[in-house]
């Protein structure tokens, strides 16, 4: 984090953070961004989802990847927590299980940046309301 040396620095930092929060809350341009949902129900939190969410936010920002990282409730994969859902623009969402910092880094580098599938995908066997 950068040091605040003046009131102008503080105002600039406030504006940048408010812009990020607005995108996360409203999702106005989220269709064109990478979208990541971190399962943060009790089982996810107990399995370490909060540090994974923080890692994803920090690393995506450091690497200059525009993404919306949000938390969600139970995804139904308690056995594989922490779990995350990653949706690349124009593609179907992919759910990853047993995500630790090493796996999260691999997901960023291989899947998000290059579109390469990585181990840890949980197959979905359900239909969404959109498919009916």
N, C-alpha and C. Protein backbone atom coordinates (compact mmCIF):
# COMPACT_ATOMS: atom_id res chain seq x y z
N UNK A 1 0.84 -1.18 0.00
CA UNK A 1 0.00 0.00 0.00
C UNK A 1 0.88 1.23 0.00
N UNK A 2 0.49 2.22 -0.76
CA UNK A 2 1.28 3.45 -0.86
C UNK A 2 1.09 4.31 0.38
N UNK A 3 2.10 5.11 0.66
CA UNK A 3 2.02 6.02 1.80
C UNK A 3 1.30 7.29 1.40
N UNK A 4 0.53 7.81 2.32
CA UNK A 4 -0.20 9.04 2.10
C UNK A 4 0.68 10.19 2.58
N UNK A 5 1.02 11.08 1.64
CA UNK A 5 1.91 12.19 1.96
C UNK A 5 1.19 13.53 1.98
N UNK A 6 0.00 13.56 1.40
CA UNK A 6 -0.73 14.83 1.36
C UNK A 6 -2.23 14.55 1.30
N UNK A 7 -2.99 15.62 1.44
CA UNK A 7 -4.44 15.52 1.35
C UNK A 7 -4.86 15.08 -0.05
N UNK A 8 -4.13 15.53 -1.06
CA UNK A 8 -4.42 15.14 -2.45
C UNK A 8 -4.23 13.63 -2.63
N UNK A 9 -3.18 13.05 -2.02
CA UNK A 9 -2.95 11.61 -2.09
C UNK A 9 -4.12 10.86 -1.45
N UNK A 10 -4.58 11.36 -0.32
CA UNK A 10 -5.67 10.72 0.39
C UNK A 10 -6.95 10.77 -0.44
N UNK A 11 -7.24 11.90 -1.06
CA UNK A 11 -8.43 12.04 -1.90
C UNK A 11 -8.37 11.12 -3.11
N UNK A 12 -7.18 11.03 -3.72
CA UNK A 12 -7.01 10.15 -4.88
C UNK A 12 -7.24 8.69 -4.48
N UNK A 13 -6.68 8.30 -3.33
CA UNK A 13 -6.84 6.94 -2.85
C UNK A 13 -8.33 6.66 -2.58
N UNK A 14 -9.02 7.62 -1.98
CA UNK A 14 -10.45 7.46 -1.69
C UNK A 14 -11.24 7.25 -2.98
N UNK A 15 -10.95 8.05 -4.00
CA UNK A 15 -11.66 7.94 -5.28
C UNK A 15 -11.43 6.58 -5.93
N UNK A 16 -10.18 6.10 -5.90
CA UNK A 16 -9.86 4.80 -6.49
C UNK A 16 -10.59 3.67 -5.77
N UNK A 17 -10.59 3.74 -4.44
CA UNK A 17 -11.27 2.69 -3.67
C UNK A 17 -12.78 2.74 -3.86
N UNK A 18 -13.35 3.93 -3.93
CA UNK A 18 -14.79 4.04 -4.15
C UNK A 18 -15.17 3.49 -5.53
N UNK A 19 -14.33 3.71 -6.51
CA UNK A 19 -14.61 3.19 -7.86
C UNK A 19 -14.61 1.66 -7.84
N UNK A 20 -13.65 1.06 -7.14
CA UNK A 20 -13.59 -0.40 -7.05
C UNK A 20 -14.80 -0.95 -6.31
N UNK A 21 -15.18 -0.28 -5.23
CA UNK A 21 -16.34 -0.73 -4.46
C UNK A 21 -17.60 -0.64 -5.29
N UNK A 22 -17.74 0.44 -6.06
CA UNK A 22 -18.92 0.62 -6.89
C UNK A 22 -19.04 -0.49 -7.92
N UNK A 23 -17.93 -0.86 -8.54
CA UNK A 23 -17.97 -1.95 -9.52
C UNK A 23 -18.37 -3.25 -8.83
N UNK A 24 -17.82 -3.50 -7.65
CA UNK A 24 -18.14 -4.73 -6.93
C UNK A 24 -19.59 -4.76 -6.51
N UNK A 25 -20.11 -3.64 -6.04
CA UNK A 25 -21.48 -3.62 -5.53
C UNK A 25 -22.52 -3.58 -6.65
N UNK A 26 -22.29 -2.77 -7.65
CA UNK A 26 -23.30 -2.58 -8.69
C UNK A 26 -23.07 -3.47 -9.90
N UNK A 27 -21.83 -3.86 -10.13
CA UNK A 27 -21.55 -4.73 -11.26
C UNK A 27 -21.92 -4.13 -12.59
N UNK A 28 -21.82 -2.80 -12.72
CA UNK A 28 -22.27 -2.12 -13.94
C UNK A 28 -21.57 -2.63 -15.19
N UNK A 29 -20.31 -2.90 -15.11
CA UNK A 29 -19.57 -3.37 -16.28
C UNK A 29 -19.08 -4.80 -16.07
N UNK A 30 -19.70 -5.51 -15.18
CA UNK A 30 -19.21 -6.83 -14.82
C UNK A 30 -19.28 -7.84 -15.97
N UNK A 31 -20.13 -7.62 -16.95
CA UNK A 31 -20.22 -8.54 -18.08
C UNK A 31 -18.92 -8.60 -18.86
N UNK A 32 -18.15 -7.52 -18.84
CA UNK A 32 -16.89 -7.46 -19.58
C UNK A 32 -15.68 -7.78 -18.72
N UNK A 33 -15.92 -8.12 -17.47
CA UNK A 33 -14.83 -8.39 -16.54
C UNK A 33 -14.84 -9.85 -16.10
N UNK A 34 -13.70 -10.29 -15.61
CA UNK A 34 -13.63 -11.58 -14.95
C UNK A 34 -14.45 -11.46 -13.68
N UNK A 35 -15.31 -12.43 -13.43
CA UNK A 35 -16.13 -12.43 -12.21
C UNK A 35 -15.76 -13.64 -11.37
N UNK A 36 -15.44 -13.38 -10.11
CA UNK A 36 -15.08 -14.46 -9.20
C UNK A 36 -15.97 -14.38 -7.98
N UNK A 37 -16.60 -15.50 -7.67
CA UNK A 37 -17.42 -15.60 -6.46
C UNK A 37 -16.73 -16.57 -5.51
N UNK A 38 -16.53 -16.12 -4.28
CA UNK A 38 -15.91 -16.96 -3.25
C UNK A 38 -17.01 -17.41 -2.30
N UNK A 39 -17.15 -18.73 -2.11
CA UNK A 39 -18.16 -19.28 -1.21
C UNK A 39 -17.77 -18.95 0.23
N UNK A 40 -18.60 -18.12 0.88
CA UNK A 40 -18.27 -17.67 2.23
C UNK A 40 -19.36 -18.04 3.23
N UNK A 41 -19.96 -19.22 3.07
CA UNK A 41 -20.85 -19.72 4.10
C UNK A 41 -19.98 -20.21 5.26
N UNK A 42 -20.59 -20.70 6.30
CA UNK A 42 -19.84 -21.12 7.48
C UNK A 42 -18.75 -22.13 7.14
N UNK A 43 -19.07 -23.10 6.29
CA UNK A 43 -18.07 -24.12 5.94
C UNK A 43 -16.92 -23.52 5.15
N UNK A 44 -17.21 -22.59 4.26
CA UNK A 44 -16.16 -21.94 3.49
C UNK A 44 -15.24 -21.10 4.36
N UNK A 45 -15.84 -20.33 5.26
CA UNK A 45 -15.05 -19.50 6.16
C UNK A 45 -14.17 -20.38 7.04
N UNK A 46 -14.75 -21.46 7.56
CA UNK A 46 -13.99 -22.38 8.42
C UNK A 46 -12.83 -23.03 7.67
N UNK A 47 -13.01 -23.23 6.37
CA UNK A 47 -11.97 -23.88 5.56
C UNK A 47 -10.91 -22.89 5.05
N UNK A 48 -11.11 -21.59 5.30
CA UNK A 48 -10.10 -20.61 4.91
C UNK A 48 -10.44 -19.77 3.70
N UNK A 49 -11.72 -19.57 3.40
CA UNK A 49 -12.11 -18.81 2.22
C UNK A 49 -11.77 -17.33 2.32
N UNK A 50 -11.81 -16.77 3.53
CA UNK A 50 -11.55 -15.33 3.66
C UNK A 50 -10.14 -14.96 3.21
N UNK A 51 -9.10 -15.67 3.68
CA UNK A 51 -7.76 -15.35 3.17
C UNK A 51 -7.61 -15.57 1.66
N UNK A 52 -8.34 -16.53 1.11
CA UNK A 52 -8.30 -16.78 -0.33
C UNK A 52 -8.93 -15.60 -1.06
N UNK A 53 -10.04 -15.08 -0.55
CA UNK A 53 -10.68 -13.93 -1.17
C UNK A 53 -9.74 -12.72 -1.13
N UNK A 54 -9.12 -12.48 0.00
CA UNK A 54 -8.18 -11.37 0.13
C UNK A 54 -7.00 -11.54 -0.82
N UNK A 55 -6.49 -12.77 -0.94
CA UNK A 55 -5.38 -13.06 -1.85
C UNK A 55 -5.79 -12.76 -3.29
N UNK A 56 -6.97 -13.21 -3.69
CA UNK A 56 -7.44 -12.99 -5.05
C UNK A 56 -7.56 -11.49 -5.35
N UNK A 57 -8.15 -10.75 -4.43
CA UNK A 57 -8.31 -9.30 -4.63
C UNK A 57 -6.96 -8.64 -4.79
N UNK A 58 -6.03 -8.96 -3.89
CA UNK A 58 -4.70 -8.34 -3.93
C UNK A 58 -3.93 -8.72 -5.19
N UNK A 59 -3.91 -10.01 -5.52
CA UNK A 59 -3.12 -10.48 -6.66
C UNK A 59 -3.69 -10.00 -7.99
N UNK A 60 -4.99 -10.01 -8.14
CA UNK A 60 -5.58 -9.51 -9.38
C UNK A 60 -5.26 -8.04 -9.56
N UNK A 61 -5.31 -7.29 -8.49
CA UNK A 61 -4.97 -5.87 -8.54
C UNK A 61 -3.49 -5.68 -8.89
N UNK A 62 -2.60 -6.43 -8.25
CA UNK A 62 -1.17 -6.34 -8.52
C UNK A 62 -0.84 -6.67 -9.98
N UNK A 63 -1.57 -7.62 -10.53
CA UNK A 63 -1.29 -8.08 -11.90
C UNK A 63 -2.06 -7.29 -12.96
N UNK A 64 -2.82 -6.32 -12.50
CA UNK A 64 -3.54 -5.46 -13.44
C UNK A 64 -4.69 -6.14 -14.16
N UNK A 65 -5.29 -7.13 -13.52
CA UNK A 65 -6.41 -7.85 -14.12
C UNK A 65 -7.70 -7.25 -13.57
N UNK A 66 -8.52 -6.72 -14.48
CA UNK A 66 -9.81 -6.16 -14.06
C UNK A 66 -10.76 -7.30 -13.75
N UNK A 67 -11.18 -7.37 -12.50
CA UNK A 67 -12.06 -8.44 -12.08
C UNK A 67 -12.97 -7.95 -10.98
N UNK A 68 -14.13 -8.60 -10.88
CA UNK A 68 -15.05 -8.35 -9.79
C UNK A 68 -14.98 -9.57 -8.88
N UNK A 69 -14.53 -9.38 -7.66
CA UNK A 69 -14.45 -10.47 -6.68
C UNK A 69 -15.51 -10.22 -5.62
N UNK A 70 -16.44 -11.16 -5.49
CA UNK A 70 -17.51 -11.02 -4.51
C UNK A 70 -17.60 -12.28 -3.68
N UNK A 71 -18.30 -12.16 -2.59
CA UNK A 71 -18.56 -13.35 -1.79
C UNK A 71 -19.99 -13.80 -2.02
N UNK A 72 -20.20 -15.08 -1.84
CA UNK A 72 -21.52 -15.65 -1.99
C UNK A 72 -21.74 -16.64 -0.86
N UNK A 73 -22.93 -17.13 -0.76
CA UNK A 73 -23.24 -18.12 0.26
C UNK A 73 -22.80 -19.51 -0.18
N UNK A 74 -23.44 -20.49 0.36
CA UNK A 74 -23.08 -21.88 0.08
C UNK A 74 -23.32 -22.23 -1.38
N UNK A 75 -22.34 -22.86 -2.00
CA UNK A 75 -22.49 -23.34 -3.37
C UNK A 75 -22.89 -24.81 -3.40
N UNK A 76 -22.91 -25.44 -2.22
CA UNK A 76 -23.30 -26.84 -2.14
C UNK A 76 -22.14 -27.81 -2.26
N UNK A 77 -20.92 -27.31 -2.21
CA UNK A 77 -19.74 -28.17 -2.34
C UNK A 77 -18.93 -28.13 -1.06
N UNK A 78 -19.58 -28.31 0.07
CA UNK A 78 -18.93 -28.19 1.38
C UNK A 78 -17.71 -29.10 1.50
N UNK A 79 -17.77 -30.26 0.89
CA UNK A 79 -16.66 -31.21 0.96
C UNK A 79 -15.39 -30.68 0.29
N UNK A 80 -15.53 -29.69 -0.59
CA UNK A 80 -14.39 -29.20 -1.38
C UNK A 80 -14.00 -27.76 -1.04
N UNK A 81 -14.43 -27.28 0.13
CA UNK A 81 -14.13 -25.90 0.50
C UNK A 81 -12.64 -25.71 0.73
N UNK A 82 -12.15 -24.51 0.50
CA UNK A 82 -12.79 -23.35 -0.08
C UNK A 82 -13.05 -23.53 -1.58
N UNK A 83 -14.21 -23.03 -2.01
CA UNK A 83 -14.57 -23.11 -3.42
C UNK A 83 -14.76 -21.72 -4.00
N UNK A 84 -14.43 -21.59 -5.28
CA UNK A 84 -14.65 -20.33 -5.98
C UNK A 84 -15.26 -20.62 -7.35
N UNK A 85 -16.05 -19.68 -7.82
CA UNK A 85 -16.61 -19.75 -9.16
C UNK A 85 -15.95 -18.66 -9.98
N UNK A 86 -15.41 -19.02 -11.13
CA UNK A 86 -14.74 -18.05 -12.01
C UNK A 86 -15.50 -18.01 -13.32
N UNK A 87 -15.92 -16.80 -13.71
CA UNK A 87 -16.60 -16.62 -15.00
C UNK A 87 -15.80 -15.64 -15.83
N UNK A 88 -15.25 -16.16 -16.92
CA UNK A 88 -14.55 -15.31 -17.88
C UNK A 88 -15.58 -14.70 -18.82
N UNK A 89 -15.33 -13.50 -19.33
CA UNK A 89 -16.30 -12.87 -20.23
C UNK A 89 -16.63 -13.78 -21.42
N UNK A 90 -17.93 -13.97 -21.65
CA UNK A 90 -18.37 -14.77 -22.78
C UNK A 90 -18.30 -16.27 -22.59
N UNK A 91 -17.93 -16.73 -21.39
CA UNK A 91 -17.81 -18.17 -21.15
C UNK A 91 -18.68 -18.57 -19.97
N UNK A 92 -18.96 -19.87 -19.88
CA UNK A 92 -19.72 -20.39 -18.74
C UNK A 92 -18.85 -20.37 -17.49
N UNK A 93 -19.47 -20.24 -16.32
CA UNK A 93 -18.69 -20.25 -15.08
C UNK A 93 -18.07 -21.62 -14.82
N UNK A 94 -16.93 -21.60 -14.15
CA UNK A 94 -16.23 -22.82 -13.76
C UNK A 94 -16.02 -22.75 -12.25
N UNK A 95 -16.32 -23.86 -11.56
CA UNK A 95 -16.16 -23.90 -10.10
C UNK A 95 -14.93 -24.72 -9.77
N UNK A 96 -14.08 -24.15 -8.91
CA UNK A 96 -12.87 -24.80 -8.45
C UNK A 96 -13.00 -25.12 -6.97
N UNK A 97 -12.55 -26.30 -6.58
CA UNK A 97 -12.59 -26.70 -5.17
C UNK A 97 -11.20 -26.86 -4.59
N UNK A 98 -11.17 -26.94 -3.26
CA UNK A 98 -9.93 -27.09 -2.50
C UNK A 98 -8.94 -25.98 -2.86
N UNK A 99 -9.42 -24.75 -2.94
CA UNK A 99 -8.58 -23.63 -3.38
C UNK A 99 -7.77 -23.09 -2.20
N UNK A 100 -6.45 -23.24 -2.31
CA UNK A 100 -5.54 -22.59 -1.37
C UNK A 100 -4.82 -21.49 -2.15
N UNK A 101 -3.87 -20.82 -1.52
CA UNK A 101 -3.20 -19.71 -2.22
C UNK A 101 -2.43 -20.19 -3.44
N UNK A 102 -1.84 -21.36 -3.35
CA UNK A 102 -1.09 -21.90 -4.50
C UNK A 102 -2.05 -22.18 -5.66
N UNK A 103 -3.20 -22.79 -5.36
CA UNK A 103 -4.19 -23.09 -6.40
C UNK A 103 -4.77 -21.79 -6.96
N UNK A 104 -5.02 -20.80 -6.09
CA UNK A 104 -5.56 -19.51 -6.54
C UNK A 104 -4.58 -18.83 -7.50
N UNK A 105 -3.29 -18.91 -7.18
CA UNK A 105 -2.27 -18.34 -8.05
C UNK A 105 -2.26 -19.04 -9.40
N UNK A 106 -2.39 -20.36 -9.39
CA UNK A 106 -2.43 -21.14 -10.63
C UNK A 106 -3.67 -20.79 -11.45
N UNK A 107 -4.80 -20.60 -10.79
CA UNK A 107 -6.03 -20.23 -11.49
C UNK A 107 -5.86 -18.88 -12.17
N UNK A 108 -5.24 -17.93 -11.46
CA UNK A 108 -5.01 -16.61 -12.06
C UNK A 108 -4.09 -16.73 -13.27
N UNK A 109 -2.96 -17.38 -13.09
CA UNK A 109 -1.94 -17.45 -14.15
C UNK A 109 -2.39 -18.27 -15.35
N UNK A 110 -2.96 -19.44 -15.11
CA UNK A 110 -3.28 -20.33 -16.22
C UNK A 110 -4.69 -20.12 -16.77
N UNK A 111 -5.69 -20.11 -15.89
CA UNK A 111 -7.06 -20.05 -16.38
C UNK A 111 -7.48 -18.63 -16.73
N UNK A 112 -7.30 -17.70 -15.81
CA UNK A 112 -7.78 -16.34 -16.06
C UNK A 112 -6.95 -15.64 -17.14
N UNK A 113 -5.63 -15.75 -17.07
CA UNK A 113 -4.79 -15.05 -18.04
C UNK A 113 -4.72 -15.75 -19.39
N UNK A 114 -4.69 -17.09 -19.38
CA UNK A 114 -4.45 -17.83 -20.63
C UNK A 114 -5.60 -18.72 -21.09
N UNK A 115 -6.63 -18.87 -20.28
CA UNK A 115 -7.76 -19.71 -20.66
C UNK A 115 -7.50 -21.21 -20.57
N UNK A 116 -6.39 -21.61 -19.92
CA UNK A 116 -6.05 -23.03 -19.78
C UNK A 116 -6.76 -23.59 -18.56
N UNK A 117 -7.42 -24.74 -18.71
CA UNK A 117 -8.06 -25.38 -17.57
C UNK A 117 -7.00 -25.96 -16.65
N UNK A 118 -7.29 -25.93 -15.35
CA UNK A 118 -6.38 -26.47 -14.35
C UNK A 118 -7.12 -27.49 -13.49
N UNK A 119 -6.38 -28.33 -12.79
CA UNK A 119 -6.98 -29.31 -11.89
C UNK A 119 -7.79 -28.63 -10.81
N UNK A 120 -8.79 -29.33 -10.34
CA UNK A 120 -9.59 -28.82 -9.23
C UNK A 120 -10.97 -28.36 -9.64
N UNK A 121 -11.34 -28.59 -10.90
CA UNK A 121 -12.68 -28.18 -11.36
C UNK A 121 -13.71 -29.15 -10.81
N UNK A 122 -14.79 -28.58 -10.28
CA UNK A 122 -15.91 -29.39 -9.80
C UNK A 122 -16.95 -29.41 -10.92
N UNK A 123 -17.27 -30.59 -11.45
CA UNK A 123 -18.26 -30.65 -12.52
C UNK A 123 -19.63 -30.25 -12.00
N UNK A 124 -20.35 -29.49 -12.80
CA UNK A 124 -21.71 -29.09 -12.41
C UNK A 124 -22.69 -30.03 -13.05
N UNK A 125 -23.67 -30.43 -12.28
CA UNK A 125 -24.67 -31.36 -12.80
C UNK A 125 -26.07 -30.82 -12.52
N UNK A 126 -26.24 -29.55 -12.75
CA UNK A 126 -27.53 -28.93 -12.52
C UNK A 126 -27.86 -28.00 -13.67
N UNK A 127 -29.13 -27.62 -13.75
CA UNK A 127 -29.56 -26.65 -14.74
C UNK A 127 -29.94 -25.37 -14.02
N UNK A 128 -29.56 -24.26 -14.58
CA UNK A 128 -29.96 -22.99 -14.00
C UNK A 128 -31.32 -22.62 -14.56
N UNK A 129 -31.94 -21.68 -13.95
CA UNK A 129 -33.25 -21.20 -14.40
C UNK A 129 -33.17 -20.61 -15.80
N UNK A 130 -31.99 -20.10 -16.17
CA UNK A 130 -31.79 -19.53 -17.51
C UNK A 130 -31.85 -20.60 -18.60
N UNK A 131 -31.56 -21.83 -18.25
CA UNK A 131 -31.52 -22.91 -19.25
C UNK A 131 -32.90 -23.52 -19.52
N UNK A 132 -33.90 -23.12 -18.78
CA UNK A 132 -35.23 -23.73 -18.95
C UNK A 132 -36.07 -22.94 -19.90
